[in-house]
Amino acid sequence: MGFKYYEQNQLMIPMEWKALIDKDDVVFVLNDLIDNMNIDKLLETYSPLGSNSYDPKMMLKILMYGYIRKRYSSRLIAEAVESDIKFIWLAGGNKPTRNIIKI
């Protein structure tokens, strides 16, 4: 017998992450600043080979916001991208890749 999907912890209201952030937060200034940057020189360094990369502007936004929030460790920034709404919004919901090497 088939049942309809049931999940108690799922947010059912469609919502923009941006709505959960104070409108005066520096995250919006940083986002607009980087969106308006010319990063053509940076884009030239990317190779068309291999798997798709994360958007360089997204990565720059996350790193810069991490530094603003005094998170200098890539591990702390990666954790924030999974748990802090401001980082999640900057990342567009993208999650860090977990490269686990088993020997």
N, C-alpha and C. Protein backbone atom coordinates (compact mmCIF):
# COMPACT_ATOMS: atom_id res chain seq x y z
N MET A 1 0.85 -1.18 0.00
CA MET A 1 0.00 0.00 0.00
C MET A 1 0.90 1.24 0.00
N GLY A 2 0.60 2.23 -0.83
CA GLY A 2 1.39 3.46 -0.91
C GLY A 2 0.85 4.53 0.02
N PHE A 3 1.73 5.23 0.66
CA PHE A 3 1.36 6.31 1.56
C PHE A 3 1.88 7.63 1.01
N LYS A 4 1.23 8.71 1.33
CA LYS A 4 1.72 10.03 0.95
C LYS A 4 2.95 10.35 1.79
N TYR A 5 3.81 11.19 1.23
CA TYR A 5 5.03 11.59 1.90
C TYR A 5 4.71 12.19 3.27
N TYR A 6 5.46 11.79 4.29
CA TYR A 6 5.26 12.26 5.65
C TYR A 6 6.60 12.58 6.27
N GLU A 7 6.79 13.85 6.65
CA GLU A 7 8.02 14.28 7.29
C GLU A 7 7.69 15.41 8.25
N GLN A 8 7.83 15.18 9.53
CA GLN A 8 7.48 16.18 10.53
C GLN A 8 8.44 17.37 10.56
N ASN A 9 9.66 17.16 10.19
CA ASN A 9 10.66 18.21 10.33
C ASN A 9 10.89 19.01 9.05
N GLN A 10 10.10 18.78 8.04
CA GLN A 10 10.27 19.50 6.77
C GLN A 10 9.47 20.80 6.80
N LEU A 11 10.12 21.89 6.44
CA LEU A 11 9.44 23.18 6.34
C LEU A 11 8.59 23.15 5.09
N MET A 12 7.30 23.35 5.22
CA MET A 12 6.39 23.24 4.09
C MET A 12 6.11 24.56 3.40
N ILE A 13 6.42 25.67 4.03
CA ILE A 13 6.14 26.97 3.45
C ILE A 13 7.28 27.33 2.51
N PRO A 14 6.98 27.58 1.23
CA PRO A 14 8.07 28.02 0.37
C PRO A 14 8.59 29.38 0.84
N MET A 15 9.89 29.48 1.05
CA MET A 15 10.43 30.70 1.62
C MET A 15 11.80 31.00 1.00
N GLU A 16 12.08 32.25 0.83
CA GLU A 16 13.41 32.65 0.39
C GLU A 16 14.30 32.75 1.61
N TRP A 17 15.54 32.24 1.50
CA TRP A 17 16.49 32.34 2.61
C TRP A 17 16.74 33.79 2.96
N LYS A 18 16.74 34.62 1.94
CA LYS A 18 17.02 36.04 2.12
C LYS A 18 16.05 36.69 3.11
N ALA A 19 14.83 36.18 3.17
CA ALA A 19 13.82 36.74 4.07
C ALA A 19 14.16 36.50 5.53
N LEU A 20 15.04 35.58 5.80
CA LEU A 20 15.43 35.25 7.18
C LEU A 20 16.61 36.08 7.68
N ILE A 21 17.16 36.93 6.81
CA ILE A 21 18.33 37.74 7.16
C ILE A 21 17.91 39.19 7.32
N ASP A 22 18.42 39.84 8.36
CA ASP A 22 18.13 41.26 8.60
C ASP A 22 18.52 42.08 7.37
N LYS A 23 17.62 42.92 6.91
CA LYS A 23 17.83 43.66 5.66
C LYS A 23 19.04 44.60 5.69
N ASP A 24 19.53 44.95 6.87
CA ASP A 24 20.68 45.85 7.00
C ASP A 24 22.00 45.10 7.17
N ASP A 25 22.00 43.80 7.01
CA ASP A 25 23.20 43.00 7.23
C ASP A 25 24.25 43.26 6.16
N VAL A 26 25.51 43.23 6.56
CA VAL A 26 26.63 43.47 5.65
C VAL A 26 26.69 42.41 4.55
N VAL A 27 26.06 41.27 4.73
CA VAL A 27 26.08 40.22 3.73
C VAL A 27 25.50 40.71 2.39
N PHE A 28 24.52 41.60 2.44
CA PHE A 28 23.92 42.13 1.22
C PHE A 28 24.87 43.10 0.50
N VAL A 29 25.61 43.87 1.28
CA VAL A 29 26.59 44.79 0.69
C VAL A 29 27.68 43.98 -0.01
N LEU A 30 28.19 42.97 0.67
CA LEU A 30 29.22 42.11 0.09
C LEU A 30 28.71 41.43 -1.17
N ASN A 31 27.49 40.90 -1.12
CA ASN A 31 26.91 40.23 -2.27
C ASN A 31 26.83 41.16 -3.48
N ASP A 32 26.32 42.36 -3.27
CA ASP A 32 26.20 43.33 -4.38
C ASP A 32 27.58 43.75 -4.89
N LEU A 33 28.52 43.95 -3.99
CA LEU A 33 29.87 44.35 -4.37
C LEU A 33 30.52 43.31 -5.28
N ILE A 34 30.45 42.05 -4.90
CA ILE A 34 31.09 41.00 -5.68
C ILE A 34 30.32 40.73 -6.97
N ASP A 35 28.99 40.84 -6.94
CA ASP A 35 28.21 40.68 -8.17
C ASP A 35 28.60 41.70 -9.22
N ASN A 36 29.03 42.88 -8.80
CA ASN A 36 29.39 43.95 -9.73
C ASN A 36 30.88 43.99 -10.06
N MET A 37 31.65 43.05 -9.54
CA MET A 37 33.08 43.00 -9.82
C MET A 37 33.33 42.37 -11.19
N ASN A 38 34.39 42.83 -11.83
CA ASN A 38 34.84 42.22 -13.07
C ASN A 38 35.88 41.16 -12.70
N ILE A 39 35.52 39.90 -12.87
CA ILE A 39 36.44 38.82 -12.50
C ILE A 39 36.92 38.05 -13.74
N ASP A 40 36.98 38.73 -14.87
CA ASP A 40 37.39 38.07 -16.12
C ASP A 40 38.77 37.43 -16.01
N LYS A 41 39.71 38.10 -15.36
CA LYS A 41 41.07 37.54 -15.21
C LYS A 41 41.04 36.25 -14.40
N LEU A 42 40.19 36.21 -13.40
CA LEU A 42 40.03 35.00 -12.58
C LEU A 42 39.42 33.88 -13.42
N LEU A 43 38.42 34.19 -14.22
CA LEU A 43 37.76 33.19 -15.04
C LEU A 43 38.69 32.57 -16.07
N GLU A 44 39.68 33.34 -16.52
CA GLU A 44 40.65 32.84 -17.50
C GLU A 44 41.50 31.70 -16.93
N THR A 45 41.61 31.61 -15.62
CA THR A 45 42.44 30.58 -15.00
C THR A 45 41.73 29.23 -14.92
N TYR A 46 40.42 29.19 -15.16
CA TYR A 46 39.67 27.94 -15.06
C TYR A 46 39.85 27.09 -16.31
N SER A 47 40.01 25.81 -16.13
CA SER A 47 40.17 24.87 -17.23
C SER A 47 38.81 24.29 -17.61
N PRO A 48 38.58 24.07 -18.92
CA PRO A 48 37.32 23.45 -19.33
C PRO A 48 37.32 21.94 -19.07
N LEU A 49 38.45 21.39 -18.68
CA LEU A 49 38.56 19.95 -18.43
C LEU A 49 38.08 19.61 -17.03
N GLY A 50 37.74 18.38 -16.83
CA GLY A 50 37.33 17.92 -15.50
C GLY A 50 35.89 18.22 -15.19
N SER A 51 35.52 18.01 -13.95
CA SER A 51 34.13 18.22 -13.55
C SER A 51 33.84 19.72 -13.39
N ASN A 52 32.58 20.07 -13.34
CA ASN A 52 32.18 21.46 -13.19
C ASN A 52 32.65 22.02 -11.86
N SER A 53 33.08 23.27 -11.90
CA SER A 53 33.54 23.96 -10.69
C SER A 53 32.39 24.74 -10.08
N TYR A 54 32.55 25.10 -8.82
CA TYR A 54 31.61 26.03 -8.21
C TYR A 54 31.81 27.40 -8.84
N ASP A 55 30.76 28.20 -8.86
CA ASP A 55 30.84 29.54 -9.43
C ASP A 55 31.88 30.36 -8.66
N PRO A 56 32.85 30.97 -9.37
CA PRO A 56 33.90 31.72 -8.68
C PRO A 56 33.36 32.89 -7.86
N LYS A 57 32.30 33.54 -8.31
CA LYS A 57 31.73 34.64 -7.52
C LYS A 57 31.14 34.12 -6.22
N MET A 58 30.49 32.95 -6.28
CA MET A 58 29.96 32.35 -5.08
C MET A 58 31.08 32.04 -4.09
N MET A 59 32.17 31.45 -4.60
CA MET A 59 33.29 31.11 -3.73
C MET A 59 33.91 32.36 -3.12
N LEU A 60 34.05 33.40 -3.91
CA LEU A 60 34.61 34.66 -3.41
C LEU A 60 33.72 35.26 -2.33
N LYS A 61 32.41 35.21 -2.54
CA LYS A 61 31.47 35.73 -1.54
C LYS A 61 31.59 34.98 -0.22
N ILE A 62 31.66 33.66 -0.31
CA ILE A 62 31.76 32.84 0.90
C ILE A 62 33.06 33.10 1.65
N LEU A 63 34.17 33.13 0.91
CA LEU A 63 35.46 33.39 1.55
C LEU A 63 35.52 34.76 2.19
N MET A 64 35.09 35.78 1.45
CA MET A 64 35.12 37.14 1.98
C MET A 64 34.21 37.28 3.20
N TYR A 65 33.03 36.70 3.14
CA TYR A 65 32.12 36.79 4.29
C TYR A 65 32.69 36.01 5.48
N GLY A 66 33.34 34.90 5.19
CA GLY A 66 34.00 34.15 6.26
C GLY A 66 35.05 35.00 6.95
N TYR A 67 35.86 35.73 6.16
CA TYR A 67 36.89 36.60 6.73
C TYR A 67 36.26 37.74 7.52
N ILE A 68 35.18 38.31 7.00
CA ILE A 68 34.48 39.37 7.73
C ILE A 68 34.00 38.87 9.09
N ARG A 69 33.54 37.61 9.13
CA ARG A 69 33.03 37.01 10.37
C ARG A 69 34.14 36.36 11.20
N LYS A 70 35.41 36.61 10.83
CA LYS A 70 36.58 36.09 11.54
C LYS A 70 36.64 34.56 11.53
N ARG A 71 36.26 33.99 10.40
CA ARG A 71 36.39 32.55 10.19
C ARG A 71 37.44 32.37 9.09
N TYR A 72 38.65 32.11 9.50
CA TYR A 72 39.76 32.04 8.56
C TYR A 72 40.06 30.61 8.12
N SER A 73 39.54 29.65 8.83
CA SER A 73 39.77 28.25 8.53
C SER A 73 38.76 27.78 7.48
N SER A 74 39.24 27.05 6.48
CA SER A 74 38.33 26.53 5.45
C SER A 74 37.32 25.55 6.06
N ARG A 75 37.71 24.86 7.11
CA ARG A 75 36.76 23.95 7.78
C ARG A 75 35.64 24.72 8.46
N LEU A 76 35.98 25.81 9.11
CA LEU A 76 34.94 26.63 9.76
C LEU A 76 34.00 27.25 8.73
N ILE A 77 34.57 27.67 7.61
CA ILE A 77 33.74 28.25 6.55
C ILE A 77 32.84 27.17 5.96
N ALA A 78 33.36 25.98 5.73
CA ALA A 78 32.56 24.87 5.20
C ALA A 78 31.41 24.51 6.14
N GLU A 79 31.70 24.50 7.45
CA GLU A 79 30.64 24.23 8.43
C GLU A 79 29.57 25.32 8.38
N ALA A 80 29.99 26.57 8.23
CA ALA A 80 29.05 27.68 8.17
C ALA A 80 28.15 27.58 6.94
N VAL A 81 28.70 27.11 5.83
CA VAL A 81 27.92 26.97 4.60
C VAL A 81 26.82 25.92 4.77
N GLU A 82 26.99 25.04 5.73
CA GLU A 82 25.97 24.03 5.99
C GLU A 82 25.00 24.42 7.10
N SER A 83 25.35 25.44 7.92
CA SER A 83 24.50 25.71 9.08
C SER A 83 24.09 27.16 9.30
N ASP A 84 24.83 28.12 8.75
CA ASP A 84 24.54 29.53 8.96
C ASP A 84 23.74 30.07 7.78
N ILE A 85 22.57 30.60 8.02
CA ILE A 85 21.65 31.02 6.96
C ILE A 85 22.28 32.04 6.01
N LYS A 86 23.15 32.89 6.52
CA LYS A 86 23.79 33.90 5.68
C LYS A 86 24.76 33.24 4.69
N PHE A 87 25.52 32.29 5.16
CA PHE A 87 26.43 31.55 4.29
C PHE A 87 25.64 30.69 3.30
N ILE A 88 24.58 30.07 3.78
CA ILE A 88 23.74 29.24 2.91
C ILE A 88 23.16 30.09 1.78
N TRP A 89 22.72 31.30 2.11
CA TRP A 89 22.16 32.20 1.09
C TRP A 89 23.24 32.59 0.09
N LEU A 90 24.42 32.96 0.57
CA LEU A 90 25.52 33.32 -0.35
C LEU A 90 25.88 32.15 -1.26
N ALA A 91 25.82 30.94 -0.74
CA ALA A 91 26.17 29.75 -1.51
C ALA A 91 25.03 29.28 -2.41
N GLY A 92 23.88 29.90 -2.29
CA GLY A 92 22.74 29.47 -3.11
C GLY A 92 22.30 28.05 -2.79
N GLY A 93 22.57 27.62 -1.55
CA GLY A 93 22.18 26.28 -1.13
C GLY A 93 23.19 25.20 -1.49
N ASN A 94 24.26 25.56 -2.19
CA ASN A 94 25.29 24.57 -2.51
C ASN A 94 25.97 24.12 -1.23
N LYS A 95 26.29 22.86 -1.15
CA LYS A 95 26.97 22.30 0.01
C LYS A 95 28.41 21.94 -0.36
N PRO A 96 29.32 22.02 0.62
CA PRO A 96 30.71 21.64 0.35
C PRO A 96 30.80 20.16 -0.02
N THR A 97 31.74 19.86 -0.89
CA THR A 97 31.98 18.47 -1.29
C THR A 97 32.82 17.81 -0.22
N ARG A 98 32.49 16.61 0.09
CA ARG A 98 33.26 15.84 1.07
C ARG A 98 34.14 14.85 0.32
N ASN A 99 35.41 15.17 0.20
CA ASN A 99 36.36 14.28 -0.45
C ASN A 99 36.96 13.37 0.61
N ILE A 100 36.50 12.14 0.64
CA ILE A 100 36.99 11.20 1.63
C ILE A 100 37.87 10.18 0.90
N ILE A 101 39.09 10.08 1.35
CA ILE A 101 40.02 9.15 0.74
C ILE A 101 40.17 7.97 1.69
N LYS A 102 39.84 6.79 1.18
CA LYS A 102 39.98 5.57 1.99
C LYS A 102 41.18 4.78 1.49
N ILE A 103 41.99 4.36 2.45
CA ILE A 103 43.19 3.60 2.09
C ILE A 103 43.02 2.16 2.54
